[in-house]
Amino acid sequence: MGRIDLVGRAAFGLLCLAGMAGVAVPVLLSVGVIAGVVFAAQGDPTKGLIVWLGAWAAAAFAVGLFVALTYAAWPLAADWITEWPGYATGFATGGAGLALMAALVFLAPVPLYGAVLAPLGATFGAGVVVAGRLAGLRAPGAQPPERPRVGRRRWGSR
């Protein structure tokens, strides 16, 4: 495998963002149910219902974002993305970006726009950098497999 062009690297960065949205879906669904039940159990069923439905609406948005980014970036990506290392790396990078976003939103004194934009940029950048360096791919210095030598055809011979 030769070098991956810039478009293929950018496409994998977008697919890592899609992986981030894909990882967010089950997180939002489960957190919405748990938070809704907790608020309802504490005697505030209206707030519980609002949190529950809000988290599920955010999960529906994440599904739409996952589908849109995947549909847009998949045709531009290189062939290695359709193998298991591409899937695993995309979802792992997306999960790490989502964890970074949660840490910045809930634990760090960072403005909300920075806590959202910084992990998105970091996830995209990590996808661009890691493209072509996935497990299972041939090492950069490895030799291609030997091809059988075929004699040259002479002009006019069949």
Protein backbone atom coordinates (compact mmCIF):
# COMPACT_ATOMS: atom_id res chain seq x y z
CA MET A 1 0.00 0.00 0.00
CA GLY A 2 1.37 3.37 -0.93
CA ARG A 3 0.80 6.68 0.70
CA ILE A 4 -2.78 7.71 1.39
CA ASP A 5 -3.71 10.99 -0.27
CA LEU A 6 -5.05 13.97 1.64
CA VAL A 7 -8.65 13.33 0.56
CA GLY A 8 -8.52 9.76 1.92
CA ARG A 9 -7.05 11.02 5.19
CA ALA A 10 -9.70 13.73 5.52
CA ALA A 11 -12.40 11.17 4.74
CA PHE A 12 -11.14 8.94 7.54
CA GLY A 13 -11.14 11.96 9.87
CA LEU A 14 -14.81 12.50 8.99
CA LEU A 15 -15.49 8.80 9.54
CA CYS A 16 -13.92 9.13 13.00
CA LEU A 17 -16.39 11.95 13.68
CA ALA A 18 -19.14 9.62 12.45
CA GLY A 19 -17.81 7.00 14.88
CA MET A 20 -18.05 9.61 17.62
CA ALA A 21 -21.72 10.16 16.77
CA GLY A 22 -22.28 6.40 16.59
CA VAL A 23 -20.81 5.88 20.05
CA ALA A 24 -22.92 8.76 21.40
CA VAL A 25 -26.21 7.08 20.44
CA PRO A 26 -26.28 4.30 23.06
CA VAL A 27 -24.75 6.64 25.64
CA LEU A 28 -27.50 9.23 25.13
CA LEU A 29 -30.27 6.64 25.11
CA SER A 30 -29.16 5.00 28.35
CA VAL A 31 -28.33 8.25 30.15
CA GLY A 32 -31.70 9.67 29.13
CA VAL A 33 -33.58 6.71 30.59
CA ILE A 34 -31.53 6.64 33.80
CA ALA A 35 -31.74 10.40 34.38
CA GLY A 36 -35.45 10.44 33.57
CA VAL A 37 -36.17 7.66 36.05
CA VAL A 38 -34.02 9.31 38.74
CA PHE A 39 -35.79 12.67 38.37
CA ALA A 40 -39.19 10.97 38.35
CA ALA A 41 -38.28 8.98 41.48
CA GLN A 42 -37.23 12.20 43.24
CA GLY A 43 -40.74 13.57 42.77
CA ASP A 44 -40.32 15.67 39.62
CA PRO A 45 -41.90 13.61 36.79
CA THR A 46 -42.12 16.60 34.42
CA LYS A 47 -38.38 17.23 34.61
CA GLY A 48 -37.77 13.48 34.24
CA LEU A 49 -39.86 13.34 31.07
CA ILE A 50 -38.15 16.43 29.63
CA VAL A 51 -34.68 15.00 30.29
CA TRP A 52 -35.68 11.62 28.91
CA LEU A 53 -37.17 13.01 25.68
CA GLY A 54 -34.36 15.56 25.29
CA ALA A 55 -31.70 12.86 25.50
CA TRP A 56 -33.58 10.71 23.01
CA ALA A 57 -33.90 13.68 20.64
CA ALA A 58 -30.14 14.21 20.91
CA ALA A 59 -29.66 10.50 20.15
CA ALA A 60 -31.87 10.84 17.07
CA PHE A 61 -29.74 13.80 15.95
CA ALA A 62 -26.59 11.70 16.51
CA VAL A 63 -28.05 8.92 14.33
CA GLY A 64 -28.72 11.45 11.57
CA LEU A 65 -25.21 12.87 11.92
CA PHE A 66 -23.72 9.36 11.80
CA VAL A 67 -25.62 8.51 8.61
CA ALA A 68 -24.86 11.85 6.91
CA LEU A 69 -21.13 11.82 7.69
CA THR A 70 -20.76 8.18 6.73
CA TYR A 71 -22.66 8.68 3.47
CA ALA A 72 -20.57 11.72 2.58
CA ALA A 73 -17.11 10.39 3.53
CA TRP A 74 -17.29 6.69 2.67
CA PRO A 75 -16.87 7.03 -1.13
CA LEU A 76 -13.83 9.29 -0.65
CA ALA A 77 -12.05 6.99 1.78
CA ALA A 78 -9.39 4.46 0.88
CA ASP A 79 -10.05 0.73 0.54
CA TRP A 80 -8.51 -0.21 3.89
CA ILE A 81 -11.39 1.44 5.74
CA THR A 82 -13.65 -1.46 4.80
CA GLU A 83 -11.47 -3.87 6.80
CA TRP A 84 -11.79 -4.43 10.55
CA PRO A 85 -8.84 -2.18 11.54
CA GLY A 86 -10.57 0.78 9.91
CA TYR A 87 -13.85 0.16 11.73
CA ALA A 88 -12.15 -0.49 15.07
CA THR A 89 -9.91 2.56 14.81
CA GLY A 90 -12.73 4.85 13.71
CA PHE A 91 -15.02 3.86 16.57
CA ALA A 92 -12.17 3.85 19.13
CA THR A 93 -11.05 7.31 18.06
CA GLY A 94 -14.66 8.50 18.16
CA GLY A 95 -15.16 7.02 21.63
CA ALA A 96 -12.01 8.74 22.89
CA GLY A 97 -13.22 12.03 21.42
CA LEU A 98 -16.61 11.59 23.08
CA ALA A 99 -14.95 10.86 26.44
CA LEU A 100 -12.80 13.98 26.02
CA MET A 101 -15.92 16.01 25.25
CA ALA A 102 -17.71 14.70 28.35
CA ALA A 103 -14.68 15.46 30.52
CA LEU A 104 -14.42 19.01 29.16
CA VAL A 105 -18.15 19.68 29.49
CA PHE A 106 -18.62 18.30 33.00
CA LEU A 107 -15.21 18.53 34.69
CA ALA A 108 -13.20 21.38 33.20
CA PRO A 109 -13.84 25.11 33.49
CA VAL A 110 -13.99 25.49 29.71
CA PRO A 111 -16.69 27.44 27.86
CA LEU A 112 -19.27 25.15 26.27
CA TYR A 113 -18.34 26.03 22.68
CA GLY A 114 -14.70 25.19 23.40
CA ALA A 115 -15.65 21.98 25.19
CA VAL A 116 -17.52 20.87 22.06
CA LEU A 117 -15.28 22.20 19.28
CA ALA A 118 -11.93 21.08 20.75
CA PRO A 119 -12.84 17.35 20.90
CA LEU A 120 -14.37 17.50 17.42
CA GLY A 121 -11.16 19.00 16.04
CA ALA A 122 -9.00 16.56 18.00
CA THR A 123 -11.00 13.56 16.75
CA PHE A 124 -10.81 14.73 13.14
CA GLY A 125 -7.10 15.46 13.47
CA ALA A 126 -6.42 12.06 15.04
CA GLY A 127 -8.26 10.39 12.17
CA VAL A 128 -6.19 12.28 9.61
CA VAL A 129 -2.92 11.39 11.36
CA VAL A 130 -3.70 7.71 12.02
CA ALA A 131 -4.92 6.98 8.48
CA GLY A 132 -2.66 4.40 6.91
CA ARG A 133 -1.04 3.36 10.17
CA LEU A 134 -3.68 0.86 11.25
CA ALA A 135 -3.06 -2.60 12.63
CA GLY A 136 -3.01 -5.30 10.00
CA LEU A 137 -1.62 -3.11 7.26
CA ARG A 138 1.75 -3.71 5.75
CA ALA A 139 4.65 -1.94 7.42
CA PRO A 140 6.06 1.02 5.47
CA GLY A 141 9.39 -0.74 4.79
CA ALA A 142 7.93 -4.13 3.86
CA GLN A 143 8.49 -5.44 0.36
CA PRO A 144 5.51 -6.23 -1.87
CA PRO A 145 4.89 -9.92 -2.55
CA GLU A 146 6.82 -11.41 -5.45
CA ARG A 147 4.93 -11.46 -8.71
CA PRO A 148 5.69 -14.16 -11.23
CA ARG A 149 7.86 -12.87 -14.05
CA VAL A 150 6.26 -13.08 -17.42
CA GLY A 151 8.32 -12.85 -20.57
CA ARG A 152 8.01 -9.79 -22.74
CA ARG A 153 5.74 -10.01 -25.71
CA ARG A 154 7.46 -9.28 -28.96
CA TRP A 155 5.87 -7.00 -31.45
CA GLY A 156 3.68 -8.99 -33.80
CA SER A 157 3.73 -12.27 -31.79
CA ARG A 158 0.68 -13.77 -30.17
